[in-house]
C-alpha cells in the first residue's frame, strides 16, 4: 500500500477543547453492530428489510439473532424502490443515510415507519434523533478514535447499563500520527476485524477524546470542502446529489463516473475507499444498479485534515484521469 498524501483513516484525535464538549447526549456503545444488536433485543422483530447497497457487517447481528432479512433496491436518488406500504408487527426496515446527504428522505421514512425504522447514520455523525425512529452513528468514521456509536431510540434507554465497556489496542492510531502508514494500516485492519456484535459500551479512551473535540471546526471544514468539490465536479457527476441541508455534514463527496479509476488514484497517493466490495460479489441477482455504484463510486475525502488547496489537488488529479 503506498504512502497516501490524502485520505485513509484518521490518526488519534487531539483534545481540542479545555472544557467537556458533548455533542451527543445519549447512550454510547462501541459500534454500529452493537447498536443493531441492542435494537433487536429491545424489539420483537423477526424480519428486517435492508438495502442491497450495504456492508456485510450489518448482517452479522441479524445472523447472530436469527433474524430473517430481505433486500430492497434503490433508485438513482438512493431512495427505496417500491417501499413497503406498511410493516407487520414483527418487521422493521433499515435505511442508510448515505454519505450524510439523505437526511430529508430519512425524515420522510421516519414519519412513515416510526419506531419500525432503523436509521443507519454511520455516514452522518452529526445527525441527531428523529424522535420516532431508532438510529445510530459511527464516531470512528469521522474522528481519530478506536470506537464509538451513539444510539437514539423512541423509548428510554438507561445510559447506566449492565453492559461492559469496550477496550481496544490503539497503537494503530499513534502509528498513523507518526506517518508509519503501512504498519498503521495493517494494525487498523486487525482492529476493524476484531469488532463483533456483542453489546458493549464505548471505551473510556474514545469517550474521553470525544468530549474534547472542536465539533464546529469539523463541521465547518467538511461543509466548506464539500461545497467546493460539488461546485467544481457536479457537471461530471452522474449521481444526483442533494446539497447538504442545515446541520448536514457529509462523510465523503460521492462522485459517480462510468470509469473505474480508484486504483489509479491510490497509486497517485489518494486513498479512495471502496463501499462495499461485498456488494459486488454478493451472489444475488437483480441489483445491477447497486453493483455499478459499488464499482464506480469515487469517494473523495473532505474531512477536517484538509483545506481548499487539498481539494484543488483532488480536482486536478481527477481531471487528468478522466480526460
C-alpha atoms as a PDB file:
ATOM      1  CA  UNK A   1       0.000   0.000   0.000  1.00  0.00           C
ATOM      2  CA  UNK A   2       1.537   3.376  -0.964  1.00  0.00           C
ATOM      3  CA  UNK A   3       2.032   6.192   1.493  1.00  0.00           C
ATOM      4  CA  UNK A   4      -1.102   8.271   0.939  1.00  0.00           C
ATOM      5  CA  UNK A   5      -0.977  12.027   0.616  1.00  0.00           C
ATOM      6  CA  UNK A   6      -4.726  12.339   1.074  1.00  0.00           C
ATOM      7  CA  UNK A   7      -7.343  10.020   2.596  1.00  0.00           C
ATOM      8  CA  UNK A   8      -7.285   6.911   4.705  1.00  0.00           C
ATOM      9  CA  UNK A   9      -8.288   6.506   8.338  1.00  0.00           C
ATOM     10  CA  UNK A  10      -7.525   9.276  10.813  1.00  0.00           C
ATOM     11  CA  UNK A  11      -4.771   9.229  13.419  1.00  0.00           C
ATOM     12  CA  UNK A  12      -5.503   9.683  17.120  1.00  0.00           C
ATOM     13  CA  UNK A  13      -7.714  12.664  17.781  1.00  0.00           C
ATOM     14  CA  UNK A  14      -6.286  15.527  19.803  1.00  0.00           C
ATOM     15  CA  UNK A  15      -8.066  17.129  22.710  1.00  0.00           C
ATOM     16  CA  UNK A  16      -9.042  20.477  21.201  1.00  0.00           C
ATOM     17  CA  UNK A  17     -11.232  21.952  23.946  1.00  0.00           C
ATOM     18  CA  UNK A  18     -10.434  22.627  27.571  1.00  0.00           C
ATOM     19  CA  UNK A  19     -13.982  22.004  28.786  1.00  0.00           C
ATOM     20  CA  UNK A  20     -16.030  18.900  28.005  1.00  0.00           C
ATOM     21  CA  UNK A  21     -17.837  19.374  24.696  1.00  0.00           C
ATOM     22  CA  UNK A  22     -20.584  16.749  24.454  1.00  0.00           C
ATOM     23  CA  UNK A  23     -22.325  16.613  21.071  1.00  0.00           C
ATOM     24  CA  UNK A  24     -24.496  13.513  21.589  1.00  0.00           C
ATOM     25  CA  UNK A  25     -26.149  13.156  24.985  1.00  0.00           C
ATOM     26  CA  UNK A  26     -27.405   9.593  24.705  1.00  0.00           C
ATOM     27  CA  UNK A  27     -26.285   6.004  25.186  1.00  0.00           C
ATOM     28  CA  UNK A  28     -22.867   5.387  23.618  1.00  0.00           C
ATOM     29  CA  UNK A  29     -21.943   1.874  22.544  1.00  0.00           C
ATOM     30  CA  UNK A  30     -18.787   0.597  20.890  1.00  0.00           C
ATOM     31  CA  UNK A  31     -20.036   0.120  17.296  1.00  0.00           C
ATOM     32  CA  UNK A  32     -22.944   0.188  14.891  1.00  0.00           C
ATOM     33  CA  UNK A  33     -23.156  -3.582  15.120  1.00  0.00           C
ATOM     34  CA  UNK A  34     -23.582  -3.312  18.883  1.00  0.00           C
ATOM     35  CA  UNK A  35     -26.369  -0.783  18.307  1.00  0.00           C
ATOM     36  CA  UNK A  36     -28.200  -3.094  15.904  1.00  0.00           C
ATOM     37  CA  UNK A  37     -27.875  -5.919  18.421  1.00  0.00           C
ATOM     38  CA  UNK A  38     -29.424  -3.740  21.121  1.00  0.00           C
ATOM     39  CA  UNK A  39     -32.250  -2.684  18.800  1.00  0.00           C
ATOM     40  CA  UNK A  40     -33.012  -6.345  18.074  1.00  0.00           C
ATOM     41  CA  UNK A  41     -33.021  -7.159  21.792  1.00  0.00           C
ATOM     42  CA  UNK A  42     -35.416  -4.280  22.516  1.00  0.00           C
ATOM     43  CA  UNK A  43     -37.899  -5.184  19.785  1.00  0.00           C
ATOM     44  CA  UNK A  44     -39.983  -8.225  18.966  1.00  0.00           C
ATOM     45  CA  UNK A  45     -38.644  -8.460  15.420  1.00  0.00           C
ATOM     46  CA  UNK A  46     -38.245 -11.460  13.140  1.00  0.00           C
ATOM     47  CA  UNK A  47     -37.694  -9.781   9.744  1.00  0.00           C
ATOM     48  CA  UNK A  48     -35.689  -6.700   8.745  1.00  0.00           C
ATOM     49  CA  UNK A  49     -35.731  -5.080   5.295  1.00  0.00           C
ATOM     50  CA  UNK A  50     -32.384  -3.604   4.251  1.00  0.00           C
ATOM     51  CA  UNK A  51     -30.749  -2.245   1.085  1.00  0.00           C
ATOM     52  CA  UNK A  52     -28.588  -4.261  -1.298  1.00  0.00           C
ATOM     53  CA  UNK A  53     -26.106  -1.393  -1.083  1.00  0.00           C
ATOM     54  CA  UNK A  54     -24.794  -2.126   2.397  1.00  0.00           C
ATOM     55  CA  UNK A  55     -21.831  -3.816   4.060  1.00  0.00           C
ATOM     56  CA  UNK A  56     -21.877  -7.363   5.375  1.00  0.00           C
ATOM     57  CA  UNK A  57     -21.077  -6.076   8.874  1.00  0.00           C
ATOM     58  CA  UNK A  58     -24.737  -5.079   9.201  1.00  0.00           C
ATOM     59  CA  UNK A  59     -25.753  -8.665   8.506  1.00  0.00           C
ATOM     60  CA  UNK A  60     -23.697 -10.053  11.388  1.00  0.00           C
ATOM     61  CA  UNK A  61     -26.108  -9.160  14.229  1.00  0.00           C
ATOM     62  CA  UNK A  62     -29.053 -10.325  12.110  1.00  0.00           C
ATOM     63  CA  UNK A  63     -27.412 -13.698  11.628  1.00  0.00           C
ATOM     64  CA  UNK A  64     -26.446 -13.900  15.307  1.00  0.00           C
ATOM     65  CA  UNK A  65     -30.040 -13.324  16.452  1.00  0.00           C
ATOM     66  CA  UNK A  66     -31.548 -15.479  13.668  1.00  0.00           C
ATOM     67  CA  UNK A  67     -33.351 -12.525  12.088  1.00  0.00           C
ATOM     68  CA  UNK A  68     -34.725 -13.040   8.606  1.00  0.00           C
ATOM     69  CA  UNK A  69     -33.668 -10.267   6.208  1.00  0.00           C
ATOM     70  CA  UNK A  70     -34.986  -9.156   2.836  1.00  0.00           C
ATOM     71  CA  UNK A  71     -33.062  -6.882   0.479  1.00  0.00           C
ATOM     72  CA  UNK A  72     -34.602  -3.935  -1.351  1.00  0.00           C
ATOM     73  CA  UNK A  73     -33.340  -1.873  -4.292  1.00  0.00           C
ATOM     74  CA  UNK A  74     -32.516   1.836  -4.540  1.00  0.00           C
ATOM     75  CA  UNK A  75     -33.163   4.293  -7.336  1.00  0.00           C
ATOM     76  CA  UNK A  76     -30.648   6.825  -8.668  1.00  0.00           C
ATOM     77  CA  UNK A  77     -31.543   9.221  -5.852  1.00  0.00           C
ATOM     78  CA  UNK A  78     -30.586   6.487  -3.358  1.00  0.00           C
ATOM     79  CA  UNK A  79     -34.237   6.201  -2.310  1.00  0.00           C
ATOM     80  CA  UNK A  80     -36.156   2.939  -1.887  1.00  0.00           C
ATOM     81  CA  UNK A  81     -37.821   1.477  -4.962  1.00  0.00           C
ATOM     82  CA  UNK A  82     -41.297   0.206  -4.019  1.00  0.00           C
ATOM     83  CA  UNK A  83     -41.021   0.713  -0.246  1.00  0.00           C
ATOM     84  CA  UNK A  84     -43.407  -1.421   1.836  1.00  0.00           C
ATOM     85  CA  UNK A  85     -46.767   0.321   2.356  1.00  0.00           C
ATOM     86  CA  UNK A  86     -46.763  -0.899   5.941  1.00  0.00           C
ATOM     87  CA  UNK A  87     -44.704  -3.164   8.163  1.00  0.00           C
ATOM     88  CA  UNK A  88     -46.129  -6.050  10.134  1.00  0.00           C
ATOM     89  CA  UNK A  89     -45.836  -6.270  13.908  1.00  0.00           C
ATOM     90  CA  UNK A  90     -42.609  -8.272  13.770  1.00  0.00           C
ATOM     91  CA  UNK A  91     -40.995  -6.386  10.855  1.00  0.00           C
ATOM     92  CA  UNK A  92     -38.575  -3.446  10.740  1.00  0.00           C
ATOM     93  CA  UNK A  93     -36.822  -1.568   7.938  1.00  0.00           C
ATOM     94  CA  UNK A  94     -33.194  -0.401   7.961  1.00  0.00           C
ATOM     95  CA  UNK A  95     -32.138   2.523   5.774  1.00  0.00           C
ATOM     96  CA  UNK A  96     -28.710   4.145   5.386  1.00  0.00           C
ATOM     97  CA  UNK A  97     -28.334   7.918   5.363  1.00  0.00           C
ATOM     98  CA  UNK A  98     -25.787   7.597   2.559  1.00  0.00           C
ATOM     99  CA  UNK A  99     -22.730   9.853   2.863  1.00  0.00           C
ATOM    100  CA  UNK A 100     -24.665  12.003   5.336  1.00  0.00           C
ATOM    101  CA  UNK A 101     -26.607  13.548   2.443  1.00  0.00           C
ATOM    102  CA  UNK A 102     -30.021  11.842   2.556  1.00  0.00           C
ATOM    103  CA  UNK A 103     -31.403  13.328   5.763  1.00  0.00           C
ATOM    104  CA  UNK A 104     -34.506  14.844   4.153  1.00  0.00           C
ATOM    105  CA  UNK A 105     -35.606  11.477   2.749  1.00  0.00           C
ATOM    106  CA  UNK A 106     -34.645   9.800   6.041  1.00  0.00           C
ATOM    107  CA  UNK A 107     -37.079  12.130   7.828  1.00  0.00           C
ATOM    108  CA  UNK A 108     -39.855  11.061   5.431  1.00  0.00           C
ATOM    109  CA  UNK A 109     -39.147   7.421   6.218  1.00  0.00           C
ATOM    110  CA  UNK A 110     -39.244   8.189   9.932  1.00  0.00           C
ATOM    111  CA  UNK A 111     -42.717   9.710   9.583  1.00  0.00           C
ATOM    112  CA  UNK A 112     -43.877   6.732   7.530  1.00  0.00           C
ATOM    113  CA  UNK A 113     -42.476   3.879   9.617  1.00  0.00           C
ATOM    114  CA  UNK A 114     -41.972   5.496  13.025  1.00  0.00           C
ATOM    115  CA  UNK A 115     -40.460   3.086  15.578  1.00  0.00           C
ATOM    116  CA  UNK A 116     -40.171   0.356  12.930  1.00  0.00           C
ATOM    117  CA  UNK A 117     -37.409   2.296  11.150  1.00  0.00           C
ATOM    118  CA  UNK A 118     -33.719   1.745  11.921  1.00  0.00           C
ATOM    119  CA  UNK A 119     -31.793   4.697  10.512  1.00  0.00           C
ATOM    120  CA  UNK A 120     -28.135   3.863   9.939  1.00  0.00           C
ATOM    121  CA  UNK A 121     -26.368   7.200  10.405  1.00  0.00           C
ATOM    122  CA  UNK A 122     -22.862   5.732  10.312  1.00  0.00           C
ATOM    123  CA  UNK A 123     -22.207   8.164   7.426  1.00  0.00           C
ATOM    124  CA  UNK A 124     -23.859  11.019   9.328  1.00  0.00           C
ATOM    125  CA  UNK A 125     -22.255  11.509  12.732  1.00  0.00           C
ATOM    126  CA  UNK A 126     -23.802  14.946  13.271  1.00  0.00           C
ATOM    127  CA  UNK A 127     -27.373  13.812  12.571  1.00  0.00           C
ATOM    128  CA  UNK A 128     -29.288  13.672  15.845  1.00  0.00           C
ATOM    129  CA  UNK A 129     -32.530  11.981  16.826  1.00  0.00           C
ATOM    130  CA  UNK A 130     -35.681  11.985  14.671  1.00  0.00           C
ATOM    131  CA  UNK A 131     -37.607  11.091  17.852  1.00  0.00           C
ATOM    132  CA  UNK A 132     -39.894   8.478  16.353  1.00  0.00           C
ATOM    133  CA  UNK A 133     -37.329   6.009  14.976  1.00  0.00           C
ATOM    134  CA  UNK A 134     -34.234   4.102  16.065  1.00  0.00           C
ATOM    135  CA  UNK A 135     -30.913   5.489  14.821  1.00  0.00           C
ATOM    136  CA  UNK A 136     -27.177   5.221  15.420  1.00  0.00           C
ATOM    137  CA  UNK A 137     -23.951   6.698  14.085  1.00  0.00           C
ATOM    138  CA  UNK A 138     -20.227   5.893  13.990  1.00  0.00           C
ATOM    139  CA  UNK A 139     -17.580   8.088  15.606  1.00  0.00           C
ATOM    140  CA  UNK A 140     -14.537   6.354  14.125  1.00  0.00           C
ATOM    141  CA  UNK A 141     -15.591   7.181  10.565  1.00  0.00           C
ATOM    142  CA  UNK A 142     -15.374  10.900  11.396  1.00  0.00           C
ATOM    143  CA  UNK A 143     -12.668  11.137  14.060  1.00  0.00           C
ATOM    144  CA  UNK A 144      -9.425   9.504  15.140  1.00  0.00           C
ATOM    145  CA  UNK A 145     -10.909   7.255  17.826  1.00  0.00           C
ATOM    146  CA  UNK A 146     -10.985   3.492  18.220  1.00  0.00           C
ATOM    147  CA  UNK A 147     -14.729   3.130  18.680  1.00  0.00           C
ATOM    148  CA  UNK A 148     -17.986   4.864  19.497  1.00  0.00           C
ATOM    149  CA  UNK A 149     -21.582   4.756  18.264  1.00  0.00           C
ATOM    150  CA  UNK A 150     -24.371   6.885  19.723  1.00  0.00           C
ATOM    151  CA  UNK A 151     -27.823   5.305  19.683  1.00  0.00           C
ATOM    152  CA  UNK A 152     -31.117   7.219  19.683  1.00  0.00           C
ATOM    153  CA  UNK A 153     -34.395   5.464  20.325  1.00  0.00           C
ATOM    154  CA  UNK A 154     -38.151   6.087  20.577  1.00  0.00           C
ATOM    155  CA  UNK A 155     -38.047   4.541  24.055  1.00  0.00           C
ATOM    156  CA  UNK A 156     -35.957   5.496  27.067  1.00  0.00           C
ATOM    157  CA  UNK A 157     -32.587   3.763  27.230  1.00  0.00           C
ATOM    158  CA  UNK A 158     -30.703   3.777  30.512  1.00  0.00           C
ATOM    159  CA  UNK A 159     -27.199   5.181  29.975  1.00  0.00           C
ATOM    160  CA  UNK A 160     -26.059   3.292  33.075  1.00  0.00           C
ATOM    161  CA  UNK A 161     -26.497  -0.188  31.694  1.00  0.00           C
ATOM    162  CA  UNK A 162     -25.281  -3.612  32.719  1.00  0.00           C
ATOM    163  CA  UNK A 163     -23.045  -3.880  29.661  1.00  0.00           C
ATOM    164  CA  UNK A 164     -19.242  -3.950  29.901  1.00  0.00           C
ATOM    165  CA  UNK A 165     -17.025  -1.231  28.482  1.00  0.00           C
ATOM    166  CA  UNK A 166     -15.039  -1.991  25.347  1.00  0.00           C
ATOM    167  CA  UNK A 167     -11.242  -1.981  25.310  1.00  0.00           C
ATOM    168  CA  UNK A 168      -9.021  -1.637  22.254  1.00  0.00           C
ATOM    169  CA  UNK A 169      -5.386  -1.656  21.203  1.00  0.00           C
ATOM    170  CA  UNK A 170      -4.980   1.930  19.984  1.00  0.00           C
ATOM    171  CA  UNK A 171      -1.388   1.609  18.776  1.00  0.00           C
ATOM    172  CA  UNK A 172      -2.532   1.904  15.145  1.00  0.00           C
ATOM    173  CA  UNK A 173      -3.801   5.437  15.854  1.00  0.00           C
ATOM    174  CA  UNK A 174      -0.397   6.502  17.194  1.00  0.00           C
ATOM    175  CA  UNK A 175       1.370   4.903  14.234  1.00  0.00           C
ATOM    176  CA  UNK A 176      -0.928   6.789  11.869  1.00  0.00           C
ATOM    177  CA  UNK A 177       0.042  10.080  13.514  1.00  0.00           C
ATOM    178  CA  UNK A 178       3.723   9.177  13.175  1.00  0.00           C
ATOM    179  CA  UNK A 179       3.102   8.573   9.430  1.00  0.00           C
ATOM    180  CA  UNK A 180       4.178   4.942   9.585  1.00  0.00           C
ATOM    181  CA  UNK A 181       1.266   4.325   7.249  1.00  0.00           C
ATOM    182  CA  UNK A 182       1.956   0.787   6.110  1.00  0.00           C
ATOM    183  CA  UNK A 183       2.281  -0.627   9.627  1.00  0.00           C
ATOM    184  CA  UNK A 184      -0.587   1.533  10.847  1.00  0.00           C
ATOM    185  CA  UNK A 185      -2.841   0.214   8.080  1.00  0.00           C
ATOM    186  CA  UNK A 186      -2.021  -3.409   8.941  1.00  0.00           C
ATOM    187  CA  UNK A 187      -2.916  -2.820  12.585  1.00  0.00           C
ATOM    188  CA  UNK A 188      -6.000  -0.829  11.571  1.00  0.00           C
ATOM    189  CA  UNK A 189      -7.329  -3.826   9.610  1.00  0.00           C
ATOM    190  CA  UNK A 190      -6.747  -6.070  12.625  1.00  0.00           C
ATOM    191  CA  UNK A 191      -8.609  -3.565  14.811  1.00  0.00           C
ATOM    192  CA  UNK A 192     -11.568  -3.438  12.414  1.00  0.00           C
ATOM    193  CA  UNK A 193     -11.729  -7.219  12.167  1.00  0.00           C
ATOM    194  CA  UNK A 194     -11.886  -7.506  15.969  1.00  0.00           C
ATOM    195  CA  UNK A 195     -15.314  -5.856  16.169  1.00  0.00           C
ATOM    196  CA  UNK A 196     -18.167  -8.232  16.975  1.00  0.00           C
ATOM    197  CA  UNK A 197     -21.908  -7.935  17.513  1.00  0.00           C
ATOM    198  CA  UNK A 198     -21.526  -8.019  21.294  1.00  0.00           C
ATOM    199  CA  UNK A 199     -23.249  -5.141  23.053  1.00  0.00           C
ATOM    200  CA  UNK A 200     -20.546  -3.134  24.817  1.00  0.00           C
ATOM    201  CA  UNK A 201     -20.279   0.446  25.986  1.00  0.00           C
ATOM    202  CA  UNK A 202     -17.870   2.848  24.326  1.00  0.00           C
ATOM    203  CA  UNK A 203     -14.283   2.582  25.600  1.00  0.00           C
ATOM    204  CA  UNK A 204     -13.080   5.081  28.194  1.00  0.00           C
ATOM    205  CA  UNK A 205     -10.311   6.278  25.862  1.00  0.00           C
ATOM    206  CA  UNK A 206     -12.666   7.134  22.990  1.00  0.00           C
ATOM    207  CA  UNK A 207     -15.272   8.596  25.330  1.00  0.00           C
ATOM    208  CA  UNK A 208     -12.687  10.974  26.791  1.00  0.00           C
ATOM    209  CA  UNK A 209     -11.420  12.115  23.390  1.00  0.00           C
ATOM    210  CA  UNK A 210     -14.916  12.670  22.008  1.00  0.00           C
ATOM    211  CA  UNK A 211     -15.676  15.054  24.869  1.00  0.00           C
ATOM    212  CA  UNK A 212     -12.846  17.378  23.813  1.00  0.00           C
ATOM    213  CA  UNK A 213     -13.303  17.749  20.050  1.00  0.00           C
ATOM    214  CA  UNK A 214     -13.931  21.092  18.366  1.00  0.00           C
ATOM    215  CA  UNK A 215     -17.065  19.867  16.586  1.00  0.00           C
ATOM    216  CA  UNK A 216     -17.897  23.189  14.996  1.00  0.00           C
ATOM    217  CA  UNK A 217     -14.466  23.382  13.348  1.00  0.00           C
ATOM    218  CA  UNK A 218     -15.030  19.897  11.939  1.00  0.00           C
ATOM    219  CA  UNK A 219     -18.472  20.861  10.638  1.00  0.00           C
ATOM    220  CA  UNK A 220     -17.086  23.996   9.008  1.00  0.00           C
ATOM    221  CA  UNK A 221     -14.206  22.147   7.304  1.00  0.00           C
ATOM    222  CA  UNK A 222     -16.290  19.314   5.916  1.00  0.00           C
ATOM    223  CA  UNK A 223     -19.077  21.618   4.725  1.00  0.00           C
ATOM    224  CA  UNK A 224     -16.677  24.038   3.039  1.00  0.00           C
ATOM    225  CA  UNK A 225     -14.740  21.250   1.320  1.00  0.00           C
ATOM    226  CA  UNK A 226     -17.932  19.549   0.129  1.00  0.00           C
ATOM    227  CA  UNK A 227     -19.331  22.734  -1.390  1.00  0.00           C
ATOM    228  CA  UNK A 228     -16.056  23.423  -3.194  1.00  0.00           C
ATOM    229  CA  UNK A 229     -15.884  19.904  -4.629  1.00  0.00           C
ATOM    230  CA  UNK A 230     -19.533  19.973  -5.667  1.00  0.00           C
ATOM    231  CA  UNK A 231     -19.172  23.328  -7.405  1.00  0.00           C
ATOM    232  CA  UNK A 232     -16.266  22.003  -9.467  1.00  0.00           C
ATOM    233  CA  UNK A 233     -17.402  18.424 -10.060  1.00  0.00           C
ATOM    234  CA  UNK A 234     -21.208  18.429 -10.268  1.00  0.00           C
ATOM    235  CA  UNK A 235     -21.124  18.682 -14.086  1.00  0.00           C
ATOM    236  CA  UNK A 236     -19.132  15.423 -14.189  1.00  0.00           C
ATOM    237  CA  UNK A 237     -21.148  13.632 -11.516  1.00  0.00           C
ATOM    238  CA  UNK A 238     -23.706  11.048 -12.686  1.00  0.00           C
ATOM    239  CA  UNK A 239     -25.102  10.715  -9.156  1.00  0.00           C
ATOM    240  CA  UNK A 240     -27.943  13.022  -8.221  1.00  0.00           C
ATOM    241  CA  UNK A 241     -26.507  14.535  -5.037  1.00  0.00           C
ATOM    242  CA  UNK A 242     -28.689  16.833  -2.937  1.00  0.00           C
ATOM    243  CA  UNK A 243     -26.897  19.793  -1.447  1.00  0.00           C
ATOM    244  CA  UNK A 244     -26.462  19.297   2.306  1.00  0.00           C
ATOM    245  CA  UNK A 245     -29.223  20.687   4.467  1.00  0.00           C
ATOM    246  CA  UNK A 246     -28.509  22.802   7.524  1.00  0.00           C
ATOM    247  CA  UNK A 247     -26.572  20.709  10.096  1.00  0.00           C
ATOM    248  CA  UNK A 248     -25.990  18.004   7.464  1.00  0.00           C
ATOM    249  CA  UNK A 249     -22.273  17.175   7.448  1.00  0.00           C
ATOM    250  CA  UNK A 250     -21.025  14.809   4.706  1.00  0.00           C
ATOM    251  CA  UNK A 251     -18.668  11.898   5.201  1.00  0.00           C
ATOM    252  CA  UNK A 252     -17.316  11.952   1.613  1.00  0.00           C
ATOM    253  CA  UNK A 253     -18.034  13.600  -1.701  1.00  0.00           C
ATOM    254  CA  UNK A 254     -19.537  10.731  -3.757  1.00  0.00           C
ATOM    255  CA  UNK A 255     -18.579  11.148  -7.406  1.00  0.00           C
ATOM    256  CA  UNK A 256     -20.091   8.666  -9.855  1.00  0.00           C
ATOM    257  CA  UNK A 257     -18.433   8.298 -13.243  1.00  0.00           C
ATOM    258  CA  UNK A 258     -18.518   5.495 -15.821  1.00  0.00           C
ATOM    259  CA  UNK A 259     -14.874   4.722 -15.282  1.00  0.00           C
ATOM    260  CA  UNK A 260     -13.114   2.791 -12.528  1.00  0.00           C
ATOM    261  CA  UNK A 261     -10.188   4.997 -11.500  1.00  0.00           C
ATOM    262  CA  UNK A 262      -9.896   4.003  -7.843  1.00  0.00           C
ATOM    263  CA  UNK A 263      -6.611   2.093  -8.149  1.00  0.00           C
ATOM    264  CA  UNK A 264      -5.059   4.820 -10.293  1.00  0.00           C
ATOM    265  CA  UNK A 265      -5.916   7.414  -7.635  1.00  0.00           C
ATOM    266  CA  UNK A 266      -4.441   5.239  -4.886  1.00  0.00           C
ATOM    267  CA  UNK A 267      -1.261   4.969  -6.975  1.00  0.00           C
ATOM    268  CA  UNK A 268      -1.201   8.795  -7.051  1.00  0.00           C
ATOM    269  CA  UNK A 269      -1.314   8.902  -3.245  1.00  0.00           C
ATOM    270  CA  UNK A 270      -5.052   9.492  -2.867  1.00  0.00           C
ATOM    271  CA  UNK A 271      -6.794   6.757  -0.866  1.00  0.00           C
ATOM    272  CA  UNK A 272     -10.309   6.151  -2.194  1.00  0.00           C
ATOM    273  CA  UNK A 273     -12.308   3.718  -0.031  1.00  0.00           C
ATOM    274  CA  UNK A 274     -14.449   1.013  -1.601  1.00  0.00           C
ATOM    275  CA  UNK A 275     -18.058   0.807  -0.368  1.00  0.00           C
ATOM    276  CA  UNK A 276     -18.533  -2.083  -0.383  1.00  0.00           C
ATOM    277  CA  UNK A 277     -16.759  -4.930  -2.227  1.00  0.00           C
ATOM    278  CA  UNK A 278     -19.234  -7.464  -0.842  1.00  0.00           C
ATOM    279  CA  UNK A 279     -21.974  -5.671  -2.802  1.00  0.00           C
ATOM    280  CA  UNK A 280     -20.118  -6.540  -6.000  1.00  0.00           C
ATOM    281  CA  UNK A 281     -19.520 -10.192  -5.077  1.00  0.00           C
ATOM    282  CA  UNK A 282     -22.808 -10.953  -3.281  1.00  0.00           C
ATOM    283  CA  UNK A 283     -24.392 -13.870  -5.130  1.00  0.00           C
ATOM    284  CA  UNK A 284     -27.867 -12.446  -5.537  1.00  0.00           C
ATOM    285  CA  UNK A 285     -29.461 -11.416  -8.833  1.00  0.00           C
ATOM    286  CA  UNK A 286     -31.400  -8.260  -9.577  1.00  0.00           C
ATOM    287  CA  UNK A 287     -29.433  -5.327  -8.224  1.00  0.00           C
ATOM    288  CA  UNK A 288     -27.189  -4.187 -11.070  1.00  0.00           C
ATOM    289  CA  UNK A 289     -27.505  -0.503 -10.111  1.00  0.00           C
ATOM    290  CA  UNK A 290     -26.044  -1.151  -6.661  1.00  0.00           C
ATOM    291  CA  UNK A 291     -23.189  -3.182  -8.166  1.00  0.00           C
ATOM    292  CA  UNK A 292     -22.495  -0.314 -10.551  1.00  0.00           C
ATOM    293  CA  UNK A 293     -22.431   2.097  -7.615  1.00  0.00           C
ATOM    294  CA  UNK A 294     -20.034  -0.031  -5.605  1.00  0.00           C
ATOM    295  CA  UNK A 295     -17.719  -0.476  -8.601  1.00  0.00           C
ATOM    296  CA  UNK A 296     -17.606   3.109  -9.849  1.00  0.00           C
ATOM    297  CA  UNK A 297     -18.221   5.487  -6.955  1.00  0.00           C
ATOM    298  CA  UNK A 298     -15.210   7.681  -6.268  1.00  0.00           C
ATOM    299  CA  UNK A 299     -15.493   8.690  -2.608  1.00  0.00           C
ATOM    300  CA  UNK A 300     -13.402  11.812  -2.245  1.00  0.00           C
ATOM    301  CA  UNK A 301     -12.038  12.603   1.238  1.00  0.00           C
ATOM    302  CA  UNK A 302     -13.060  16.016   2.557  1.00  0.00           C
ATOM    303  CA  UNK A 303     -12.530  15.739   6.294  1.00  0.00           C
ATOM    304  CA  UNK A 304     -11.100  18.224   8.771  1.00  0.00           C
ATOM    305  CA  UNK A 305      -7.490  17.370   7.888  1.00  0.00           C
ATOM    306  CA  UNK A 306      -7.822  19.139   4.548  1.00  0.00           C
ATOM    307  CA  UNK A 307      -8.353  22.605   3.106  1.00  0.00           C
ATOM    308  CA  UNK A 308      -9.188  24.109  -0.288  1.00  0.00           C
ATOM    309  CA  UNK A 309      -5.636  23.540  -1.580  1.00  0.00           C
ATOM    310  CA  UNK A 310      -6.116  19.825  -0.960  1.00  0.00           C
ATOM    311  CA  UNK A 311      -9.472  19.915  -2.713  1.00  0.00           C
ATOM    312  CA  UNK A 312      -7.804  21.537  -5.723  1.00  0.00           C
ATOM    313  CA  UNK A 313      -5.249  18.727  -5.733  1.00  0.00           C
ATOM    314  CA  UNK A 314      -8.098  16.207  -5.796  1.00  0.00           C
ATOM    315  CA  UNK A 315      -9.886  18.024  -8.607  1.00  0.00           C
ATOM    316  CA  UNK A 316      -6.734  18.363 -10.737  1.00  0.00           C
ATOM    317  CA  UNK A 317      -5.829  14.704 -10.217  1.00  0.00           C
ATOM    318  CA  UNK A 318      -9.325  13.624 -11.205  1.00  0.00           C
ATOM    319  CA  UNK A 319      -9.367  15.816 -14.282  1.00  0.00           C
ATOM    320  CA  UNK A 320      -6.176  14.228 -15.561  1.00  0.00           C
ATOM    321  CA  UNK A 321      -7.517  10.713 -15.102  1.00  0.00           C
ATOM    322  CA  UNK A 322     -10.951  11.393 -16.547  1.00  0.00           C
ATOM    323  CA  UNK A 323      -9.721  13.268 -19.612  1.00  0.00           C
END
